[in-house]
Amino acid sequence: MKRAVALCLSSFLIAAASLCHAQEGVRVESFSPQGTNKNVRQVTARFSEPMTTFGDLRYESPFDIKLPVR
């Protein structure tokens, strides 16, 4: 009996943890370059999940880029 209760409780906790993890949403795993850099011609961003097909303009941009005024 105790074993069945422990098994049910552990299954519930694992399911709850996976739901909490799924609700985190997409996050940026890496972004480069970082800091202040002159003459940057391109940037690279890697997300935790697929975002959109490259070049597909139907979706909202994942970033708002603001460049300093010269």
N, C-alpha and C. Protein backbone atom coordinates (compact mmCIF):
# COMPACT_ATOMS: atom_id res chain seq x y z
N MET A 1 0.82 -1.19 0.00
CA MET A 1 0.00 0.00 0.00
C MET A 1 0.86 1.25 0.00
N LYS A 2 1.87 1.26 0.88
CA LYS A 2 2.76 2.42 0.94
C LYS A 2 3.50 2.62 -0.38
N ARG A 3 3.84 1.50 -0.99
CA ARG A 3 4.57 1.57 -2.26
C ARG A 3 3.69 2.18 -3.36
N ALA A 4 2.41 1.82 -3.39
CA ALA A 4 1.49 2.36 -4.38
C ALA A 4 1.29 3.86 -4.18
N VAL A 5 1.18 4.29 -2.93
CA VAL A 5 1.03 5.72 -2.63
C VAL A 5 2.29 6.47 -3.05
N ALA A 6 3.44 5.92 -2.74
CA ALA A 6 4.70 6.56 -3.12
C ALA A 6 4.83 6.65 -4.64
N LEU A 7 4.42 5.61 -5.34
CA LEU A 7 4.48 5.61 -6.80
C LEU A 7 3.54 6.66 -7.39
N CYS A 8 2.33 6.75 -6.85
CA CYS A 8 1.37 7.76 -7.33
C CYS A 8 1.87 9.16 -7.04
N LEU A 9 2.42 9.37 -5.86
CA LEU A 9 2.93 10.69 -5.49
C LEU A 9 4.11 11.09 -6.37
N SER A 10 5.03 10.17 -6.61
CA SER A 10 6.18 10.50 -7.46
C SER A 10 5.74 10.74 -8.90
N SER A 11 4.76 9.99 -9.39
CA SER A 11 4.25 10.23 -10.75
C SER A 11 3.61 11.61 -10.84
N PHE A 12 2.86 12.00 -9.82
CA PHE A 12 2.24 13.32 -9.80
C PHE A 12 3.30 14.41 -9.79
N LEU A 13 4.32 14.26 -8.99
CA LEU A 13 5.37 15.28 -8.91
C LEU A 13 6.13 15.41 -10.23
N ILE A 14 6.39 14.31 -10.88
CA ILE A 14 7.07 14.35 -12.18
C ILE A 14 6.19 15.04 -13.22
N ALA A 15 4.90 14.73 -13.23
CA ALA A 15 3.98 15.38 -14.17
C ALA A 15 3.88 16.87 -13.89
N ALA A 16 3.81 17.25 -12.62
CA ALA A 16 3.73 18.67 -12.27
C ALA A 16 5.00 19.41 -12.67
N ALA A 17 6.14 18.78 -12.47
CA ALA A 17 7.41 19.41 -12.85
C ALA A 17 7.50 19.60 -14.35
N SER A 18 7.04 18.63 -15.12
CA SER A 18 7.09 18.77 -16.58
C SER A 18 6.14 19.86 -17.06
N LEU A 19 4.99 20.02 -16.42
CA LEU A 19 4.07 21.09 -16.78
C LEU A 19 4.67 22.46 -16.47
N CYS A 20 5.31 22.57 -15.33
CA CYS A 20 5.95 23.85 -14.97
C CYS A 20 7.05 24.18 -15.96
N HIS A 21 7.81 23.19 -16.36
CA HIS A 21 8.89 23.41 -17.33
C HIS A 21 8.32 23.82 -18.68
N ALA A 22 7.20 23.25 -19.08
CA ALA A 22 6.60 23.56 -20.38
C ALA A 22 6.04 24.98 -20.41
N GLN A 23 5.68 25.53 -19.27
CA GLN A 23 5.09 26.86 -19.23
C GLN A 23 6.13 27.97 -19.18
N GLU A 24 7.40 27.64 -19.12
CA GLU A 24 8.44 28.66 -19.09
C GLU A 24 8.45 29.48 -20.37
N GLY A 25 8.14 28.88 -21.47
CA GLY A 25 8.15 29.58 -22.74
C GLY A 25 9.52 29.53 -23.39
N VAL A 26 9.60 30.18 -24.52
CA VAL A 26 10.84 30.19 -25.29
C VAL A 26 11.80 31.19 -24.66
N ARG A 27 13.08 30.81 -24.61
CA ARG A 27 14.09 31.72 -24.06
C ARG A 27 15.29 31.76 -25.00
N VAL A 28 16.07 32.79 -24.89
CA VAL A 28 17.28 32.92 -25.68
C VAL A 28 18.38 32.14 -24.97
N GLU A 29 18.94 31.14 -25.63
CA GLU A 29 20.01 30.34 -25.04
C GLU A 29 21.36 31.00 -25.23
N SER A 30 21.57 31.62 -26.38
CA SER A 30 22.84 32.32 -26.61
C SER A 30 22.60 33.47 -27.57
N PHE A 31 23.40 34.50 -27.42
CA PHE A 31 23.32 35.68 -28.28
C PHE A 31 24.73 36.22 -28.44
N SER A 32 25.12 36.50 -29.67
CA SER A 32 26.45 37.07 -29.89
C SER A 32 26.40 38.04 -31.05
N PRO A 33 27.20 39.06 -31.08
CA PRO A 33 28.20 39.42 -30.08
C PRO A 33 27.54 40.06 -28.87
N GLN A 34 28.27 40.10 -27.77
CA GLN A 34 27.78 40.72 -26.54
C GLN A 34 28.67 41.89 -26.19
N GLY A 35 28.12 42.82 -25.42
CA GLY A 35 28.89 43.99 -25.02
C GLY A 35 28.86 45.06 -26.09
N THR A 36 29.81 45.97 -26.02
CA THR A 36 29.90 47.07 -26.99
C THR A 36 30.90 46.68 -28.06
N ASN A 37 30.44 46.66 -29.29
CA ASN A 37 31.30 46.29 -30.41
C ASN A 37 31.08 47.27 -31.55
N LYS A 38 32.16 47.66 -32.20
CA LYS A 38 32.05 48.51 -33.37
C LYS A 38 32.02 47.64 -34.62
N ASN A 39 31.41 48.15 -35.65
CA ASN A 39 31.38 47.50 -36.96
C ASN A 39 30.74 46.11 -36.94
N VAL A 40 29.67 45.95 -36.19
CA VAL A 40 28.96 44.67 -36.17
C VAL A 40 28.12 44.58 -37.43
N ARG A 41 28.31 43.51 -38.18
CA ARG A 41 27.57 43.34 -39.43
C ARG A 41 26.46 42.30 -39.29
N GLN A 42 26.55 41.43 -38.30
CA GLN A 42 25.51 40.43 -38.09
C GLN A 42 25.51 39.99 -36.63
N VAL A 43 24.38 39.46 -36.21
CA VAL A 43 24.26 38.91 -34.87
C VAL A 43 23.70 37.49 -34.98
N THR A 44 23.91 36.71 -33.94
CA THR A 44 23.41 35.34 -33.90
C THR A 44 22.64 35.15 -32.60
N ALA A 45 21.45 34.60 -32.70
CA ALA A 45 20.64 34.28 -31.52
C ALA A 45 20.18 32.83 -31.64
N ARG A 46 20.31 32.09 -30.55
CA ARG A 46 19.85 30.70 -30.52
C ARG A 46 18.77 30.61 -29.45
N PHE A 47 17.62 30.05 -29.84
CA PHE A 47 16.48 29.94 -28.94
C PHE A 47 16.33 28.52 -28.42
N SER A 48 15.61 28.37 -27.32
CA SER A 48 15.41 27.06 -26.71
C SER A 48 14.45 26.18 -27.52
N GLU A 49 13.63 26.79 -28.37
CA GLU A 49 12.69 26.05 -29.21
C GLU A 49 12.66 26.68 -30.60
N PRO A 50 12.20 25.94 -31.61
CA PRO A 50 12.09 26.54 -32.95
C PRO A 50 11.14 27.74 -32.92
N MET A 51 11.53 28.82 -33.57
CA MET A 51 10.73 30.05 -33.56
C MET A 51 9.88 30.16 -34.82
N THR A 52 10.49 30.20 -35.98
CA THR A 52 9.78 30.36 -37.24
C THR A 52 10.71 29.96 -38.37
N THR A 53 10.16 29.77 -39.53
CA THR A 53 10.98 29.49 -40.70
C THR A 53 11.76 30.75 -41.06
N PHE A 54 13.02 30.59 -41.40
CA PHE A 54 13.88 31.73 -41.71
C PHE A 54 13.28 32.55 -42.85
N GLY A 55 13.12 33.84 -42.62
CA GLY A 55 12.62 34.75 -43.64
C GLY A 55 11.10 34.83 -43.74
N ASP A 56 10.37 34.11 -42.91
CA ASP A 56 8.91 34.14 -42.95
C ASP A 56 8.41 35.41 -42.26
N LEU A 57 7.79 36.30 -43.03
CA LEU A 57 7.38 37.61 -42.52
C LEU A 57 5.98 37.61 -41.91
N ARG A 58 5.33 36.47 -41.83
CA ARG A 58 3.97 36.42 -41.27
C ARG A 58 3.96 36.53 -39.75
N TYR A 59 5.09 36.29 -39.11
CA TYR A 59 5.14 36.27 -37.66
C TYR A 59 5.84 37.51 -37.12
N GLU A 60 5.60 37.79 -35.87
CA GLU A 60 6.21 38.92 -35.20
C GLU A 60 7.70 38.68 -35.00
N SER A 61 8.48 39.74 -35.07
CA SER A 61 9.92 39.63 -34.87
C SER A 61 10.23 39.26 -33.42
N PRO A 62 11.17 38.34 -33.18
CA PRO A 62 11.47 37.95 -31.80
C PRO A 62 12.28 39.00 -31.04
N PHE A 63 12.84 39.99 -31.74
CA PHE A 63 13.67 41.01 -31.10
C PHE A 63 13.26 42.40 -31.57
N ASP A 64 13.44 43.37 -30.70
CA ASP A 64 13.37 44.79 -31.05
C ASP A 64 14.80 45.30 -30.96
N ILE A 65 15.36 45.67 -32.09
CA ILE A 65 16.76 46.11 -32.12
C ILE A 65 16.80 47.63 -32.15
N LYS A 66 17.54 48.19 -31.20
CA LYS A 66 17.68 49.64 -31.12
C LYS A 66 19.16 49.98 -31.21
N LEU A 67 19.54 50.67 -32.25
CA LEU A 67 20.93 51.06 -32.44
C LEU A 67 21.14 52.46 -31.87
N PRO A 68 22.34 52.72 -31.33
CA PRO A 68 22.61 54.05 -30.80
C PRO A 68 22.67 55.07 -31.94
N VAL A 69 22.24 56.29 -31.63
CA VAL A 69 22.25 57.37 -32.62
C VAL A 69 23.65 57.92 -32.71
N ARG A 70 24.13 58.12 -33.94
CA ARG A 70 25.48 58.67 -34.11
C ARG A 70 25.43 60.15 -34.29
